């Protein structure tokens, strides 16, 4: 005797994967979760680059001169 018979598996598939609301949520999650991670990484890189540009501009205004 199988723990999950074929009818039970088919019913689960029918209630989940073939459900338009579930599929919309699943697709949205698959689409949005990586987008959030990518956005966070891009923001960190942008902030680092912004600080680097600011340091370079300050360095040009006040160059290190040997005394």
N, C-alpha and C. Protein backbone atom coordinates (compact mmCIF):
# COMPACT_ATOMS: atom_id res chain seq x y z
N UNK A 1 0.84 -1.19 0.00
CA UNK A 1 0.00 0.00 0.00
C UNK A 1 0.88 1.25 0.00
N UNK A 2 0.62 2.13 -0.94
CA UNK A 2 1.37 3.36 -1.04
C UNK A 2 0.85 4.38 -0.03
N UNK A 3 1.76 5.20 0.45
CA UNK A 3 1.36 6.25 1.41
C UNK A 3 0.51 7.29 0.69
N UNK A 4 0.96 7.70 -0.49
CA UNK A 4 0.19 8.65 -1.30
C UNK A 4 -0.25 7.94 -2.56
N UNK A 5 -1.53 7.65 -2.65
CA UNK A 5 -2.00 6.98 -3.85
C UNK A 5 -2.15 7.97 -5.00
N UNK A 6 -2.34 7.48 -6.17
CA UNK A 6 -2.38 8.28 -7.39
C UNK A 6 -3.51 9.31 -7.35
N UNK A 7 -4.65 8.95 -6.81
CA UNK A 7 -5.77 9.88 -6.76
C UNK A 7 -5.45 11.08 -5.86
N UNK A 8 -4.80 10.81 -4.74
CA UNK A 8 -4.43 11.88 -3.82
C UNK A 8 -3.44 12.85 -4.49
N UNK A 9 -2.46 12.29 -5.19
CA UNK A 9 -1.47 13.12 -5.88
C UNK A 9 -2.15 13.96 -6.97
N UNK A 10 -3.04 13.37 -7.72
CA UNK A 10 -3.76 14.11 -8.76
C UNK A 10 -4.61 15.24 -8.16
N UNK A 11 -5.21 14.98 -7.00
CA UNK A 11 -6.03 16.00 -6.34
C UNK A 11 -5.15 17.17 -5.87
N UNK A 12 -3.99 16.87 -5.34
CA UNK A 12 -3.06 17.92 -4.91
C UNK A 12 -2.63 18.76 -6.12
N UNK A 13 -2.30 18.09 -7.21
CA UNK A 13 -1.91 18.81 -8.43
C UNK A 13 -3.05 19.68 -8.93
N UNK A 14 -4.25 19.15 -8.90
CA UNK A 14 -5.40 19.92 -9.37
C UNK A 14 -5.64 21.14 -8.50
N UNK A 15 -5.47 20.99 -7.19
CA UNK A 15 -5.75 22.10 -6.28
C UNK A 15 -4.64 23.15 -6.26
N UNK A 16 -3.44 22.77 -6.65
CA UNK A 16 -2.34 23.74 -6.57
C UNK A 16 -1.90 24.19 -7.95
N UNK A 17 -1.22 23.33 -8.69
CA UNK A 17 -0.60 23.75 -9.94
C UNK A 17 -1.58 24.20 -10.99
N UNK A 18 -2.75 23.66 -10.98
CA UNK A 18 -3.73 24.06 -12.00
C UNK A 18 -4.64 25.18 -11.51
N UNK A 19 -4.38 25.69 -10.33
CA UNK A 19 -5.15 26.78 -9.78
C UNK A 19 -4.55 28.11 -10.25
N UNK A 20 -5.31 28.93 -10.97
CA UNK A 20 -4.75 30.17 -11.51
C UNK A 20 -4.24 31.13 -10.43
N UNK A 21 -4.93 31.21 -9.31
CA UNK A 21 -4.49 32.11 -8.24
C UNK A 21 -3.15 31.64 -7.68
N UNK A 22 -3.02 30.36 -7.45
CA UNK A 22 -1.76 29.82 -6.93
C UNK A 22 -0.63 30.04 -7.93
N UNK A 23 -0.90 29.81 -9.19
CA UNK A 23 0.13 29.99 -10.20
C UNK A 23 0.55 31.46 -10.32
N UNK A 24 -0.39 32.37 -10.20
CA UNK A 24 -0.05 33.79 -10.26
C UNK A 24 0.86 34.16 -9.10
N UNK A 25 0.54 33.68 -7.91
CA UNK A 25 1.38 33.96 -6.74
C UNK A 25 2.74 33.30 -6.89
N UNK A 26 2.77 32.06 -7.36
CA UNK A 26 4.04 31.34 -7.52
C UNK A 26 4.94 32.05 -8.54
N UNK A 27 4.38 32.45 -9.65
CA UNK A 27 5.16 33.15 -10.68
C UNK A 27 5.64 34.50 -10.14
N UNK A 28 4.78 35.20 -9.43
CA UNK A 28 5.17 36.49 -8.86
C UNK A 28 6.32 36.32 -7.86
N UNK A 29 6.26 35.29 -7.04
CA UNK A 29 7.34 35.05 -6.08
C UNK A 29 8.64 34.68 -6.77
N UNK A 30 8.55 33.84 -7.79
CA UNK A 30 9.75 33.44 -8.52
C UNK A 30 10.35 34.65 -9.24
N UNK A 31 9.51 35.58 -9.65
CA UNK A 31 9.97 36.76 -10.36
C UNK A 31 10.49 37.83 -9.40
N UNK A 32 9.81 38.04 -8.27
CA UNK A 32 10.11 39.16 -7.40
C UNK A 32 11.22 38.90 -6.38
N UNK A 33 11.30 37.71 -5.84
CA UNK A 33 12.31 37.45 -4.80
C UNK A 33 13.72 37.64 -5.35
N UNK A 34 14.08 37.09 -6.50
CA UNK A 34 15.42 37.38 -7.03
C UNK A 34 15.60 38.87 -7.34
N UNK A 35 14.53 39.53 -7.76
CA UNK A 35 14.60 40.95 -8.06
C UNK A 35 14.98 41.75 -6.81
N UNK A 36 14.47 41.36 -5.66
CA UNK A 36 14.80 42.05 -4.42
C UNK A 36 16.27 41.88 -4.07
N UNK A 37 16.80 40.67 -4.26
CA UNK A 37 18.21 40.43 -3.99
C UNK A 37 19.09 41.22 -4.96
N UNK A 38 18.72 41.21 -6.22
CA UNK A 38 19.49 41.94 -7.23
C UNK A 38 19.47 43.44 -6.93
N UNK A 39 18.31 43.96 -6.55
CA UNK A 39 18.20 45.38 -6.23
C UNK A 39 19.08 45.74 -5.04
N UNK A 40 19.11 44.88 -4.04
CA UNK A 40 19.94 45.14 -2.86
C UNK A 40 21.43 45.17 -3.23
N UNK A 41 21.85 44.22 -4.03
CA UNK A 41 23.25 44.17 -4.47
C UNK A 41 23.59 45.40 -5.31
N UNK A 42 22.70 45.76 -6.23
CA UNK A 42 22.94 46.93 -7.08
C UNK A 42 23.01 48.21 -6.24
N UNK A 43 22.17 48.32 -5.22
CA UNK A 43 22.19 49.50 -4.36
C UNK A 43 23.51 49.60 -3.60
N UNK A 44 24.00 48.47 -3.10
CA UNK A 44 25.28 48.47 -2.38
C UNK A 44 26.41 48.89 -3.31
N UNK A 45 26.42 48.36 -4.52
CA UNK A 45 27.46 48.73 -5.48
C UNK A 45 27.36 50.20 -5.84
N UNK A 46 26.15 50.71 -5.99
CA UNK A 46 25.95 52.13 -6.32
C UNK A 46 26.48 53.01 -5.20
N UNK A 47 26.17 52.66 -3.95
CA UNK A 47 26.64 53.44 -2.82
C UNK A 47 28.17 53.42 -2.73
N UNK A 48 28.77 52.27 -2.94
CA UNK A 48 30.23 52.17 -2.91
C UNK A 48 30.85 53.01 -4.02
N UNK A 49 30.29 52.94 -5.20
CA UNK A 49 30.80 53.71 -6.33
C UNK A 49 30.64 55.21 -6.07
N UNK A 50 29.52 55.60 -5.49
CA UNK A 50 29.26 57.00 -5.17
C UNK A 50 30.30 57.53 -4.19
N UNK A 51 30.61 56.75 -3.17
CA UNK A 51 31.63 57.14 -2.18
C UNK A 51 33.00 57.23 -2.84
N UNK A 52 33.30 56.30 -3.73
CA UNK A 52 34.59 56.30 -4.43
C UNK A 52 34.73 57.54 -5.31
N UNK A 53 33.69 57.91 -6.02
CA UNK A 53 33.70 59.11 -6.86
C UNK A 53 33.89 60.35 -5.99
N UNK A 54 33.19 60.39 -4.87
CA UNK A 54 33.32 61.52 -3.96
C UNK A 54 34.76 61.64 -3.43
N UNK A 55 35.37 60.51 -3.07
CA UNK A 55 36.76 60.52 -2.61
C UNK A 55 37.70 61.03 -3.69
N UNK A 56 37.47 60.59 -4.93
CA UNK A 56 38.31 61.04 -6.04
C UNK A 56 38.17 62.54 -6.27
N UNK A 57 36.96 63.08 -6.18
CA UNK A 57 36.76 64.52 -6.36
C UNK A 57 37.44 65.31 -5.25
N UNK A 58 37.34 64.82 -4.03
CA UNK A 58 38.00 65.50 -2.91
C UNK A 58 39.52 65.43 -3.09
N UNK A 59 40.01 64.29 -3.55
CA UNK A 59 41.45 64.13 -3.77
C UNK A 59 41.95 65.12 -4.82
N UNK A 60 41.15 65.38 -5.84
CA UNK A 60 41.55 66.35 -6.86
C UNK A 60 41.58 67.77 -6.30
N UNK A 61 40.65 68.08 -5.40
CA UNK A 61 40.61 69.41 -4.82
C UNK A 61 41.75 69.63 -3.83
N UNK A 62 42.06 68.61 -3.07
CA UNK A 62 43.09 68.70 -2.03
C UNK A 62 44.13 67.60 -2.24
N UNK A 63 45.00 67.78 -3.20
CA UNK A 63 45.99 66.73 -3.45
C UNK A 63 47.02 66.68 -2.31
N UNK A 64 47.56 65.51 -2.13
CA UNK A 64 48.62 65.34 -1.12
C UNK A 64 49.91 65.93 -1.67
N UNK A 65 50.37 66.97 -1.00
CA UNK A 65 51.63 67.58 -1.42
C UNK A 65 52.71 67.26 -0.41
N UNK A 66 53.86 66.84 -0.86
CA UNK A 66 54.93 66.55 0.10
C UNK A 66 55.43 67.84 0.76
N UNK A 67 55.69 67.77 2.04
CA UNK A 67 56.12 68.97 2.78
C UNK A 67 57.59 69.00 2.98
